[in-house]
PDB file of N, CA and C in Angstrom:
ATOM      1  N   UNK A   1       0.811  -1.182   0.000  1.00  0.00           N
ATOM      2  CA  UNK A   1       0.000   0.000   0.000  1.00  0.00           C
ATOM      3  C   UNK A   1       0.860   1.253   0.000  1.00  0.00           C
ATOM      4  N   UNK A   2       1.978   1.252   0.815  1.00  0.00           N
ATOM      5  CA  UNK A   2       2.856   2.406   0.850  1.00  0.00           C
ATOM      6  C   UNK A   2       3.540   2.599  -0.494  1.00  0.00           C
ATOM      7  N   UNK A   3       3.806   1.513  -1.183  1.00  0.00           N
ATOM      8  CA  UNK A   3       4.452   1.585  -2.498  1.00  0.00           C
ATOM      9  C   UNK A   3       3.548   2.238  -3.523  1.00  0.00           C
ATOM     10  N   UNK A   4       2.253   1.922  -3.454  1.00  0.00           N
ATOM     11  CA  UNK A   4       1.295   2.504  -4.402  1.00  0.00           C
ATOM     12  C   UNK A   4       1.156   3.997  -4.140  1.00  0.00           C
ATOM     13  N   UNK A   5       1.092   4.381  -2.864  1.00  0.00           N
ATOM     14  CA  UNK A   5       0.991   5.795  -2.499  1.00  0.00           C
ATOM     15  C   UNK A   5       2.254   6.534  -2.942  1.00  0.00           C
ATOM     16  N   UNK A   6       3.400   5.921  -2.747  1.00  0.00           N
ATOM     17  CA  UNK A   6       4.665   6.548  -3.147  1.00  0.00           C
ATOM     18  C   UNK A   6       4.723   6.712  -4.663  1.00  0.00           C
ATOM     19  N   UNK A   7       4.274   5.707  -5.395  1.00  0.00           N
ATOM     20  CA  UNK A   7       4.245   5.799  -6.861  1.00  0.00           C
ATOM     21  C   UNK A   7       3.267   6.878  -7.293  1.00  0.00           C
ATOM     22  N   UNK A   8       2.105   6.946  -6.655  1.00  0.00           N
ATOM     23  CA  UNK A   8       1.111   7.973  -6.971  1.00  0.00           C
ATOM     24  C   UNK A   8       1.666   9.370  -6.691  1.00  0.00           C
ATOM     25  N   UNK A   9       2.333   9.545  -5.567  1.00  0.00           N
ATOM     26  CA  UNK A   9       2.926  10.851  -5.227  1.00  0.00           C
ATOM     27  C   UNK A   9       4.011  11.201  -6.234  1.00  0.00           C
ATOM     28  N   UNK A  10       4.836  10.239  -6.570  1.00  0.00           N
ATOM     29  CA  UNK A  10       5.906  10.468  -7.530  1.00  0.00           C
ATOM     30  C   UNK A  10       5.335  10.797  -8.913  1.00  0.00           C
ATOM     31  N   UNK A  11       4.319  10.074  -9.326  1.00  0.00           N
ATOM     32  CA  UNK A  11       3.665  10.338 -10.607  1.00  0.00           C
ATOM     33  C   UNK A  11       3.014  11.721 -10.612  1.00  0.00           C
ATOM     34  N   UNK A  12       2.372  12.070  -9.519  1.00  0.00           N
ATOM     35  CA  UNK A  12       1.758  13.398  -9.394  1.00  0.00           C
ATOM     36  C   UNK A  12       2.823  14.488  -9.488  1.00  0.00           C
ATOM     37  N   UNK A  13       3.959  14.254  -8.845  1.00  0.00           N
ATOM     38  CA  UNK A  13       5.052  15.226  -8.892  1.00  0.00           C
ATOM     39  C   UNK A  13       5.557  15.407 -10.321  1.00  0.00           C
ATOM     40  N   UNK A  14       5.703  14.304 -11.056  1.00  0.00           N
ATOM     41  CA  UNK A  14       6.171  14.401 -12.435  1.00  0.00           C
ATOM     42  C   UNK A  14       5.163  15.121 -13.326  1.00  0.00           C
ATOM     43  N   UNK A  15       3.881  14.857 -13.152  1.00  0.00           N
ATOM     44  CA  UNK A  15       2.843  15.543 -13.933  1.00  0.00           C
ATOM     45  C   UNK A  15       2.858  17.040 -13.615  1.00  0.00           C
ATOM     46  N   UNK A  16       2.958  17.345 -12.307  1.00  0.00           N
ATOM     47  CA  UNK A  16       3.010  18.747 -11.892  1.00  0.00           C
ATOM     48  C   UNK A  16       4.246  19.437 -12.480  1.00  0.00           C
ATOM     49  N   UNK A  17       5.397  18.772 -12.462  1.00  0.00           N
ATOM     50  CA  UNK A  17       6.627  19.330 -13.016  1.00  0.00           C
ATOM     51  C   UNK A  17       6.490  19.566 -14.517  1.00  0.00           C
ATOM     52  N   UNK A  18       5.870  18.621 -15.211  1.00  0.00           N
ATOM     53  CA  UNK A  18       5.679  18.767 -16.652  1.00  0.00           C
ATOM     54  C   UNK A  18       4.766  19.949 -16.960  1.00  0.00           C
ATOM     55  N   UNK A  19       3.699  20.111 -16.188  1.00  0.00           N
ATOM     56  CA  UNK A  19       2.778  21.242 -16.379  1.00  0.00           C
ATOM     57  C   UNK A  19       3.487  22.574 -16.104  1.00  0.00           C
ATOM     58  N   UNK A  20       4.300  22.600 -15.063  1.00  0.00           N
ATOM     59  CA  UNK A  20       5.060  23.824 -14.749  1.00  0.00           C
ATOM     60  C   UNK A  20       6.058  24.143 -15.851  1.00  0.00           C
ATOM     61  N   UNK A  21       6.699  23.126 -16.395  1.00  0.00           N
ATOM     62  CA  UNK A  21       7.646  23.330 -17.486  1.00  0.00           C
ATOM     63  C   UNK A  21       6.943  23.919 -18.700  1.00  0.00           C
ATOM     64  N   UNK A  22       5.779  23.400 -19.023  1.00  0.00           N
ATOM     65  CA  UNK A  22       5.003  23.928 -20.155  1.00  0.00           C
ATOM     66  C   UNK A  22       4.615  25.385 -19.897  1.00  0.00           C
ATOM     67  N   UNK A  23       4.176  25.672 -18.693  1.00  0.00           N
ATOM     68  CA  UNK A  23       3.780  27.037 -18.346  1.00  0.00           C
ATOM     69  C   UNK A  23       4.966  27.999 -18.437  1.00  0.00           C
ATOM     70  N   UNK A  24       6.109  27.601 -17.923  1.00  0.00           N
ATOM     71  CA  UNK A  24       7.301  28.453 -17.946  1.00  0.00           C
ATOM     72  C   UNK A  24       7.762  28.699 -19.376  1.00  0.00           C
ATOM     73  N   UNK A  25       7.748  27.663 -20.189  1.00  0.00           N
ATOM     74  CA  UNK A  25       8.162  27.848 -21.585  1.00  0.00           C
ATOM     75  C   UNK A  25       7.198  28.752 -22.342  1.00  0.00           C
ATOM     76  N   UNK A  26       5.906  28.650 -22.050  1.00  0.00           N
ATOM     77  CA  UNK A  26       4.925  29.536 -22.678  1.00  0.00           C
ATOM     78  C   UNK A  26       5.176  30.982 -22.260  1.00  0.00           C
ATOM     79  N   UNK A  27       5.426  31.204 -20.979  1.00  0.00           N
ATOM     80  CA  UNK A  27       5.724  32.556 -20.502  1.00  0.00           C
ATOM     81  C   UNK A  27       7.025  33.072 -21.121  1.00  0.00           C
ATOM     82  N   UNK A  28       7.984  32.182 -21.282  1.00  0.00           N
ATOM     83  CA  UNK A  28       9.247  32.569 -21.902  1.00  0.00           C
ATOM     84  C   UNK A  28       9.015  33.015 -23.343  1.00  0.00           C
ATOM     85  N   UNK A  29       8.185  32.310 -24.083  1.00  0.00           N
ATOM     86  CA  UNK A  29       7.867  32.710 -25.458  1.00  0.00           C
ATOM     87  C   UNK A  29       7.180  34.061 -25.487  1.00  0.00           C
ATOM     88  N   UNK A  30       6.243  34.282 -24.575  1.00  0.00           N
ATOM     89  CA  UNK A  30       5.555  35.577 -24.516  1.00  0.00           C
ATOM     90  C   UNK A  30       6.538  36.710 -24.228  1.00  0.00           C
ATOM     91  N   UNK A  31       7.430  36.489 -23.291  1.00  0.00           N
ATOM     92  CA  UNK A  31       8.423  37.508 -22.958  1.00  0.00           C
ATOM     93  C   UNK A  31       9.382  37.763 -24.121  1.00  0.00           C
ATOM     94  N   UNK A  32       9.762  36.706 -24.816  1.00  0.00           N
ATOM     95  CA  UNK A  32      10.639  36.867 -25.974  1.00  0.00           C
ATOM     96  C   UNK A  32       9.940  37.665 -27.070  1.00  0.00           C
ATOM     97  N   UNK A  33       8.666  37.369 -27.296  1.00  0.00           N
ATOM     98  CA  UNK A  33       7.907  38.124 -28.299  1.00  0.00           C
ATOM     99  C   UNK A  33       7.813  39.595 -27.904  1.00  0.00           C
ATOM    100  N   UNK A  34       7.588  39.865 -26.635  1.00  0.00           N
ATOM    101  CA  UNK A  34       7.558  41.247 -26.160  1.00  0.00           C
ATOM    102  C   UNK A  34       8.912  41.924 -26.357  1.00  0.00           C
ATOM    103  N   UNK A  35       9.974  41.204 -26.100  1.00  0.00           N
ATOM    104  CA  UNK A  35      11.323  41.741 -26.282  1.00  0.00           C
ATOM    105  C   UNK A  35      11.575  42.101 -27.744  1.00  0.00           C
ATOM    106  N   UNK A  36      11.221  41.213 -28.653  1.00  0.00           N
ATOM    107  CA  UNK A  36      11.415  41.471 -30.081  1.00  0.00           C
ATOM    108  C   UNK A  36      10.567  42.661 -30.515  1.00  0.00           C
ATOM    109  N   UNK A  37       9.336  42.716 -30.067  1.00  0.00           N
ATOM    110  CA  UNK A  37       8.449  43.825 -30.401  1.00  0.00           C
ATOM    111  C   UNK A  37       9.027  45.146 -29.889  1.00  0.00           C
ATOM    112  N   UNK A  38       9.541  45.129 -28.681  1.00  0.00           N
ATOM    113  CA  UNK A  38      10.125  46.337 -28.091  1.00  0.00           C
ATOM    114  C   UNK A  38      11.380  46.762 -28.839  1.00  0.00           C
ATOM    115  N   UNK A  39      12.195  45.792 -29.256  1.00  0.00           N
ATOM    116  CA  UNK A  39      13.395  46.119 -30.029  1.00  0.00           C
ATOM    117  C   UNK A  39      13.029  46.729 -31.380  1.00  0.00           C
ATOM    118  N   UNK A  40      11.959  46.249 -31.990  1.00  0.00           N
ATOM    119  CA  UNK A  40      11.501  46.825 -33.257  1.00  0.00           C
ATOM    120  C   UNK A  40      11.043  48.265 -33.065  1.00  0.00           C
ATOM    121  N   UNK A  41      10.313  48.505 -31.991  1.00  0.00           N
ATOM    122  CA  UNK A  41       9.863  49.865 -31.700  1.00  0.00           C
ATOM    123  C   UNK A  41      11.062  50.768 -31.442  1.00  0.00           C
ATOM    124  N   UNK A  42      12.053  50.251 -30.704  1.00  0.00           N
ATOM    125  CA  UNK A  42      13.262  51.031 -30.429  1.00  0.00           C
ATOM    126  C   UNK A  42      13.980  51.396 -31.729  1.00  0.00           C
ATOM    127  N   UNK A  43      14.065  50.441 -32.640  1.00  0.00           N
ATOM    128  CA  UNK A  43      14.733  50.706 -33.911  1.00  0.00           C
ATOM    129  C   UNK A  43      13.994  51.779 -34.704  1.00  0.00           C
ATOM    130  N   UNK A  44      12.673  51.711 -34.728  1.00  0.00           N
ATOM    131  CA  UNK A  44      11.890  52.718 -35.444  1.00  0.00           C
ATOM    132  C   UNK A  44      12.052  54.088 -34.794  1.00  0.00           C
ATOM    133  N   UNK A  45      12.056  54.136 -33.466  1.00  0.00           N
ATOM    134  CA  UNK A  45      12.237  55.412 -32.774  1.00  0.00           C
ATOM    135  C   UNK A  45      13.635  55.983 -33.023  1.00  0.00           C
ATOM    136  N   UNK A  46      14.641  55.118 -33.100  1.00  0.00           N
ATOM    137  CA  UNK A  46      15.991  55.593 -33.419  1.00  0.00           C
ATOM    138  C   UNK A  46      16.061  56.169 -34.826  1.00  0.00           C
ATOM    139  N   UNK A  47      15.335  55.560 -35.759  1.00  0.00           N
ATOM    140  CA  UNK A  47      15.293  56.091 -37.118  1.00  0.00           C
ATOM    141  C   UNK A  47      14.615  57.457 -37.145  1.00  0.00           C
ATOM    142  N   UNK A  48      13.514  57.585 -36.416  1.00  0.00           N
ATOM    143  CA  UNK A  48      12.813  58.868 -36.349  1.00  0.00           C
ATOM    144  C   UNK A  48      13.708  59.919 -35.700  1.00  0.00           C
ATOM    145  N   UNK A  49      14.407  59.533 -34.631  1.00  0.00           N
ATOM    146  CA  UNK A  49      15.299  60.463 -33.945  1.00  0.00           C
ATOM    147  C   UNK A  49      16.408  60.929 -34.873  1.00  0.00           C
ATOM    148  N   UNK A  50      16.982  60.024 -35.643  1.00  0.00           N
ATOM    149  CA  UNK A  50      18.034  60.398 -36.595  1.00  0.00           C
ATOM    150  C   UNK A  50      17.485  61.355 -37.643  1.00  0.00           C
ATOM    151  N   UNK A  51      16.292  61.075 -38.126  1.00  0.00           N
ATOM    152  CA  UNK A  51      15.659  61.970 -39.110  1.00  0.00           C
ATOM    153  C   UNK A  51      15.436  63.353 -38.504  1.00  0.00           C
ATOM    154  N   UNK A  52      14.952  63.400 -37.264  1.00  0.00           N
ATOM    155  CA  UNK A  52      14.697  64.691 -36.620  1.00  0.00           C
ATOM    156  C   UNK A  52      15.989  65.466 -36.389  1.00  0.00           C
ATOM    157  N   UNK A  53      17.055  64.785 -36.034  1.00  0.00           N
ATOM    158  CA  UNK A  53      18.338  65.465 -35.865  1.00  0.00           C
ATOM    159  C   UNK A  53      18.824  66.043 -37.192  1.00  0.00           C
ATOM    160  N   UNK A  54      18.680  65.281 -38.259  1.00  0.00           N
ATOM    161  CA  UNK A  54      19.060  65.765 -39.583  1.00  0.00           C
ATOM    162  C   UNK A  54      18.200  66.955 -39.985  1.00  0.00           C
ATOM    163  N   UNK A  55      16.919  66.863 -39.732  1.00  0.00           N
ATOM    164  CA  UNK A  55      16.000  67.957 -40.062  1.00  0.00           C
ATOM    165  C   UNK A  55      16.352  69.217 -39.275  1.00  0.00           C
ATOM    166  N   UNK A  56      16.668  69.052 -37.989  1.00  0.00           N
ATOM    167  CA  UNK A  56      17.062  70.205 -37.165  1.00  0.00           C
ATOM    168  C   UNK A  56      18.344  70.826 -37.698  1.00  0.00           C
ATOM    169  N   UNK A  57      19.291  69.985 -38.084  1.00  0.00           N
ATOM    170  CA  UNK A  57      20.547  70.508 -38.632  1.00  0.00           C
ATOM    171  C   UNK A  57      20.298  71.285 -39.922  1.00  0.00           C
ATOM    172  N   UNK A  58      19.397  70.784 -40.756  1.00  0.00           N
ATOM    173  CA  UNK A  58      19.068  71.484 -41.997  1.00  0.00           C
ATOM    174  C   UNK A  58      18.363  72.802 -41.725  1.00  0.00           C
ATOM    175  N   UNK A  59      17.438  72.797 -40.766  1.00  0.00           N
ATOM    176  CA  UNK A  59      16.668  74.010 -40.484  1.00  0.00           C
ATOM    177  C   UNK A  59      17.491  75.083 -39.792  1.00  0.00           C
ATOM    178  N   UNK A  60      18.540  74.689 -39.100  1.00  0.00           N
ATOM    179  CA  UNK A  60      19.353  75.676 -38.401  1.00  0.00           C
ATOM    180  C   UNK A  60      20.627  76.031 -39.162  1.00  0.00           C
ATOM    181  N   UNK A  61      20.767  75.520 -40.367  1.00  0.00           N
ATOM    182  CA  UNK A  61      21.962  75.848 -41.142  1.00  0.00           C
ATOM    183  C   UNK A  61      21.878  77.296 -41.630  1.00  0.00           C
ATOM    184  N   UNK A  62      23.022  77.897 -41.786  1.00  0.00           N
ATOM    185  CA  UNK A  62      23.089  79.295 -42.217  1.00  0.00           C
ATOM    186  C   UNK A  62      22.496  79.459 -43.612  1.00  0.00           C
ATOM    187  N   UNK A  63      22.736  78.497 -44.483  1.00  0.00           N
ATOM    188  CA  UNK A  63      22.204  78.587 -45.845  1.00  0.00           C
ATOM    189  C   UNK A  63      20.673  78.598 -45.837  1.00  0.00           C
ATOM    190  N   UNK A  64      20.061  77.748 -45.035  1.00  0.00           N
ATOM    191  CA  UNK A  64      18.598  77.706 -44.968  1.00  0.00           C
ATOM    192  C   UNK A  64      18.046  78.995 -44.372  1.00  0.00           C
ATOM    193  N   UNK A  65      18.688  79.495 -43.335  1.00  0.00           N
ATOM    194  CA  UNK A  65      18.226  80.740 -42.702  1.00  0.00           C
ATOM    195  C   UNK A  65      18.339  81.895 -43.680  1.00  0.00           C
ATOM    196  N   UNK A  66      19.431  81.951 -44.442  1.00  0.00           N
ATOM    197  CA  UNK A  66      19.573  83.008 -45.440  1.00  0.00           C
ATOM    198  C   UNK A  66      18.518  82.894 -46.533  1.00  0.00           C
ATOM    199  N   UNK A  67      18.192  81.678 -46.934  1.00  0.00           N
ATOM    200  CA  UNK A  67      17.158  81.471 -47.948  1.00  0.00           C
ATOM    201  C   UNK A  67      15.799  81.943 -47.441  1.00  0.00           C
ATOM    202  N   UNK A  68      15.447  81.570 -46.232  1.00  0.00           N
ATOM    203  CA  UNK A  68      14.166  82.004 -45.656  1.00  0.00           C
ATOM    204  C   UNK A  68      14.154  83.509 -45.489  1.00  0.00           C
ATOM    205  N   UNK A  69      15.263  84.063 -45.049  1.00  0.00           N
ATOM    206  CA  UNK A  69      15.366  85.501 -44.842  1.00  0.00           C
ATOM    207  C   UNK A  69      15.141  86.238 -46.162  1.00  0.00           C
ATOM    208  N   UNK A  70      15.702  85.735 -47.246  1.00  0.00           N
ATOM    209  CA  UNK A  70      15.578  86.405 -48.539  1.00  0.00           C
ATOM    210  C   UNK A  70      14.223  86.170 -49.186  1.00  0.00           C
ATOM    211  N   UNK A  71      13.720  84.947 -49.161  1.00  0.00           N
ATOM    212  CA  UNK A  71      12.492  84.631 -49.900  1.00  0.00           C
ATOM    213  C   UNK A  71      11.229  85.004 -49.142  1.00  0.00           C
ATOM    214  N   UNK A  72      11.136  84.603 -47.884  1.00  0.00           N
ATOM    215  CA  UNK A  72       9.877  84.784 -47.150  1.00  0.00           C
ATOM    216  C   UNK A  72       9.780  86.134 -46.460  1.00  0.00           C
ATOM    217  N   UNK A  73      10.900  86.630 -45.968  1.00  0.00           N
ATOM    218  CA  UNK A  73      10.868  87.880 -45.208  1.00  0.00           C
ATOM    219  C   UNK A  73      11.334  89.084 -46.023  1.00  0.00           C
ATOM    220  N   UNK A  74      11.773  88.824 -47.244  1.00  0.00           N
ATOM    221  CA  UNK A  74      12.266  89.886 -48.130  1.00  0.00           C
ATOM    222  C   UNK A  74      13.353  90.724 -47.470  1.00  0.00           C
ATOM    223  N   UNK A  75      14.226  90.073 -46.759  1.00  0.00           N
ATOM    224  CA  UNK A  75      15.345  90.746 -46.121  1.00  0.00           C
ATOM    225  C   UNK A  75      16.608  90.460 -46.915  1.00  0.00           C
ATOM    226  N   UNK A  76      17.577  91.349 -46.761  1.00  0.00           N
ATOM    227  CA  UNK A  76      18.868  91.122 -47.402  1.00  0.00           C
ATOM    228  C   UNK A  76      19.953  91.398 -46.380  1.00  0.00           C
ATOM    229  N   UNK A  77      21.120  90.813 -46.560  1.00  0.00           N
ATOM    230  CA  UNK A  77      22.200  91.046 -45.599  1.00  0.00           C
ATOM    231  C   UNK A  77      22.568  92.530 -45.548  1.00  0.00           C
ATOM    232  N   UNK A  78      22.963  92.979 -44.391  1.00  0.00           N
ATOM    233  CA  UNK A  78      23.324  94.389 -44.222  1.00  0.00           C
ATOM    234  C   UNK A  78      24.655  94.677 -44.892  1.00  0.00           C
ATOM    235  N   UNK A  79      24.733  95.861 -45.492  1.00  0.00           N
ATOM    236  CA  UNK A  79      26.014  96.310 -46.037  1.00  0.00           C
ATOM    237  C   UNK A  79      26.919  96.706 -44.884  1.00  0.00           C
ATOM    238  N   UNK A  80      28.183  96.765 -45.162  1.00  0.00           N
ATOM    239  CA  UNK A  80      29.146  97.112 -44.123  1.00  0.00           C
ATOM    240  C   UNK A  80      28.904  98.532 -43.607  1.00  0.00           C
ATOM    241  N   UNK A  81      28.375  99.395 -44.453  1.00  0.00           N
ATOM    242  CA  UNK A  81      28.107 100.792 -44.055  1.00  0.00           C
ATOM    243  C   UNK A  81      26.870 100.904 -43.164  1.00  0.00           C
ATOM    244  N   UNK A  82      26.025  99.895 -43.178  1.00  0.00           N
ATOM    245  CA  UNK A  82      24.797  99.942 -42.386  1.00  0.00           C
ATOM    246  C   UNK A  82      24.979  99.388 -40.977  1.00  0.00           C
ATOM    247  N   UNK A  83      26.104  98.812 -40.690  1.00  0.00           N
ATOM    248  CA  UNK A  83      26.341  98.194 -39.385  1.00  0.00           C
ATOM    249  C   UNK A  83      26.796  99.258 -38.401  1.00  0.00           C
ATOM    250  N   UNK A  84      26.145  99.315 -37.266  1.00  0.00           N
ATOM    251  CA  UNK A  84      26.493 100.263 -36.211  1.00  0.00           C
ATOM    252  C   UNK A  84      27.046  99.463 -35.046  1.00  0.00           C
ATOM    253  N   UNK A  85      28.227  99.813 -34.623  1.00  0.00           N
ATOM    254  CA  UNK A  85      28.867  99.134 -33.500  1.00  0.00           C
ATOM    255  C   UNK A  85      28.615  99.940 -32.231  1.00  0.00           C
ATOM    256  N   UNK A  86      28.178  99.261 -31.188  1.00  0.00           N
ATOM    257  CA  UNK A  86      27.921  99.908 -29.899  1.00  0.00           C
ATOM    258  C   UNK A  86      28.882  99.311 -28.894  1.00  0.00           C
ATOM    259  N   UNK A  87      29.594 100.176 -28.222  1.00  0.00           N
ATOM    260  CA  UNK A  87      30.521  99.705 -27.199  1.00  0.00           C
ATOM    261  C   UNK A  87      29.720  99.224 -26.000  1.00  0.00           C
ATOM    262  N   UNK A  88      30.279  98.297 -25.253  1.00  0.00           N
ATOM    263  CA  UNK A  88      29.557  97.758 -24.102  1.00  0.00           C
ATOM    264  C   UNK A  88      29.287  98.826 -23.061  1.00  0.00           C
ATOM    265  N   UNK A  89      30.175  99.818 -22.924  1.00  0.00           N
ATOM    266  CA  UNK A  89      29.946 100.898 -21.958  1.00  0.00           C
ATOM    267  C   UNK A  89      28.757 101.749 -22.383  1.00  0.00           C
ATOM    268  N   UNK A  90      28.631 102.019 -23.693  1.00  0.00           N
ATOM    269  CA  UNK A  90      27.480 102.774 -24.184  1.00  0.00           C
ATOM    270  C   UNK A  90      26.188 101.972 -23.996  1.00  0.00           C
ATOM    271  N   UNK A  91      26.262 100.677 -24.205  1.00  0.00           N
ATOM    272  CA  UNK A  91      25.087  99.810 -24.036  1.00  0.00           C
ATOM    273  C   UNK A  91      24.634  99.807 -22.589  1.00  0.00           C
ATOM    274  N   UNK A  92      25.570  99.675 -21.671  1.00  0.00           N
ATOM    275  CA  UNK A  92      25.233  99.674 -20.250  1.00  0.00           C
ATOM    276  C   UNK A  92      24.658 101.018 -19.830  1.00  0.00           C
ATOM    277  N   UNK A  93      25.198 102.103 -20.376  1.00  0.00           N
ATOM    278  CA  UNK A  93      24.715 103.437 -20.039  1.00  0.00           C
ATOM    279  C   UNK A  93      23.292 103.621 -20.546  1.00  0.00           C
ATOM    280  N   UNK A  94      23.019 103.169 -21.775  1.00  0.00           N
ATOM    281  CA  UNK A  94      21.674 103.345 -22.332  1.00  0.00           C
ATOM    282  C   UNK A  94      20.652 102.462 -21.612  1.00  0.00           C
ATOM    283  N   UNK A  95      21.052 101.288 -21.197  1.00  0.00           N
ATOM    284  CA  UNK A  95      20.114 100.435 -20.471  1.00  0.00           C
ATOM    285  C   UNK A  95      19.847 100.948 -19.077  1.00  0.00           C
ATOM    286  N   UNK A  96      20.871 101.540 -18.434  1.00  0.00           N
ATOM    287  CA  UNK A  96      20.638 102.091 -17.089  1.00  0.00           C
ATOM    288  C   UNK A  96      19.752 103.321 -17.167  1.00  0.00           C
ATOM    289  N   UNK A  97      19.886 104.134 -18.226  1.00  0.00           N
ATOM    290  CA  UNK A  97      19.007 105.300 -18.405  1.00  0.00           C
ATOM    291  C   UNK A  97      17.581 104.850 -18.688  1.00  0.00           C
ATOM    292  N   UNK A  98      17.419 103.781 -19.438  1.00  0.00           N
ATOM    293  CA  UNK A  98      16.086 103.273 -19.776  1.00  0.00           C
ATOM    294  C   UNK A  98      15.389 102.721 -18.539  1.00  0.00           C
ATOM    295  N   UNK A  99      16.129 102.109 -17.639  1.00  0.00           N
ATOM    296  CA  UNK A  99      15.503 101.560 -16.431  1.00  0.00           C
ATOM    297  C   UNK A  99      15.143 102.659 -15.435  1.00  0.00           C
ATOM    298  N   UNK A 100      15.849 103.794 -15.485  1.00  0.00           N
ATOM    299  CA  UNK A 100      15.532 104.905 -14.578  1.00  0.00           C
ATOM    300  C   UNK A 100      14.239 105.598 -14.989  1.00  0.00           C
ATOM    301  N   UNK A 101      13.933 105.562 -16.268  1.00  0.00           N
ATOM    302  CA  UNK A 101      12.727 106.267 -16.746  1.00  0.00           C
ATOM    303  C   UNK A 101      11.526 105.468 -16.520  1.00  0.00           C
TER     304      UNK A 101
END
Protein backbone atom coordinates (compact mmCIF):
# COMPACT_ATOMS: atom_id res chain seq x y z
CA UNK A 1 0.00 0.00 0.00
CA UNK A 2 2.86 2.41 0.85
CA UNK A 3 4.45 1.58 -2.50
CA UNK A 4 1.30 2.50 -4.40
CA UNK A 5 0.99 5.80 -2.50
CA UNK A 6 4.66 6.55 -3.15
CA UNK A 7 4.25 5.80 -6.86
CA UNK A 8 1.11 7.97 -6.97
CA UNK A 9 2.93 10.85 -5.23
CA UNK A 10 5.91 10.47 -7.53
CA UNK A 11 3.67 10.34 -10.61
CA UNK A 12 1.76 13.40 -9.39
CA UNK A 13 5.05 15.23 -8.89
CA UNK A 14 6.17 14.40 -12.43
CA UNK A 15 2.84 15.54 -13.93
CA UNK A 16 3.01 18.75 -11.89
CA UNK A 17 6.63 19.33 -13.02
CA UNK A 18 5.68 18.77 -16.65
CA UNK A 19 2.78 21.24 -16.38
CA UNK A 20 5.06 23.82 -14.75
CA UNK A 21 7.65 23.33 -17.49
CA UNK A 22 5.00 23.93 -20.15
CA UNK A 23 3.78 27.04 -18.35
CA UNK A 24 7.30 28.45 -17.95
CA UNK A 25 8.16 27.85 -21.58
CA UNK A 26 4.92 29.54 -22.68
CA UNK A 27 5.72 32.56 -20.50
CA UNK A 28 9.25 32.57 -21.90
CA UNK A 29 7.87 32.71 -25.46
CA UNK A 30 5.56 35.58 -24.52
CA UNK A 31 8.42 37.51 -22.96
CA UNK A 32 10.64 36.87 -25.97
CA UNK A 33 7.91 38.12 -28.30
CA UNK A 34 7.56 41.25 -26.16
CA UNK A 35 11.32 41.74 -26.28
CA UNK A 36 11.41 41.47 -30.08
CA UNK A 37 8.45 43.82 -30.40
CA UNK A 38 10.12 46.34 -28.09
CA UNK A 39 13.39 46.12 -30.03
CA UNK A 40 11.50 46.83 -33.26
CA UNK A 41 9.86 49.87 -31.70
CA UNK A 42 13.26 51.03 -30.43
CA UNK A 43 14.73 50.71 -33.91
CA UNK A 44 11.89 52.72 -35.44
CA UNK A 45 12.24 55.41 -32.77
CA UNK A 46 15.99 55.59 -33.42
CA UNK A 47 15.29 56.09 -37.12
CA UNK A 48 12.81 58.87 -36.35
CA UNK A 49 15.30 60.46 -33.95
CA UNK A 50 18.03 60.40 -36.60
CA UNK A 51 15.66 61.97 -39.11
CA UNK A 52 14.70 64.69 -36.62
CA UNK A 53 18.34 65.47 -35.87
CA UNK A 54 19.06 65.76 -39.58
CA UNK A 55 16.00 67.96 -40.06
CA UNK A 56 17.06 70.21 -37.16
CA UNK A 57 20.55 70.51 -38.63
CA UNK A 58 19.07 71.48 -42.00
CA UNK A 59 16.67 74.01 -40.48
CA UNK A 60 19.35 75.68 -38.40
CA UNK A 61 21.96 75.85 -41.14
CA UNK A 62 23.09 79.29 -42.22
CA UNK A 63 22.20 78.59 -45.85
CA UNK A 64 18.60 77.71 -44.97
CA UNK A 65 18.23 80.74 -42.70
CA UNK A 66 19.57 83.01 -45.44
CA UNK A 67 17.16 81.47 -47.95
CA UNK A 68 14.17 82.00 -45.66
CA UNK A 69 15.37 85.50 -44.84
CA UNK A 70 15.58 86.41 -48.54
CA UNK A 71 12.49 84.63 -49.90
CA UNK A 72 9.88 84.78 -47.15
CA UNK A 73 10.87 87.88 -45.21
CA UNK A 74 12.27 89.89 -48.13
CA UNK A 75 15.35 90.75 -46.12
CA UNK A 76 18.87 91.12 -47.40
CA UNK A 77 22.20 91.05 -45.60
CA UNK A 78 23.32 94.39 -44.22
CA UNK A 79 26.01 96.31 -46.04
CA UNK A 80 29.15 97.11 -44.12
CA UNK A 81 28.11 100.79 -44.05
CA UNK A 82 24.80 99.94 -42.39
CA UNK A 83 26.34 98.19 -39.39
CA UNK A 84 26.49 100.26 -36.21
CA UNK A 85 28.87 99.13 -33.50
CA UNK A 86 27.92 99.91 -29.90
CA UNK A 87 30.52 99.71 -27.20
CA UNK A 88 29.56 97.76 -24.10
CA UNK A 89 29.95 100.90 -21.96
CA UNK A 90 27.48 102.77 -24.18
CA UNK A 91 25.09 99.81 -24.04
CA UNK A 92 25.23 99.67 -20.25
CA UNK A 93 24.71 103.44 -20.04
CA UNK A 94 21.67 103.34 -22.33
CA UNK A 95 20.11 100.43 -20.47
CA UNK A 96 20.64 102.09 -17.09
CA UNK A 97 19.01 105.30 -18.41
CA UNK A 98 16.09 103.27 -19.78
CA UNK A 99 15.50 101.56 -16.43
CA UNK A 100 15.53 104.91 -14.58
CA UNK A 101 12.73 106.27 -16.75
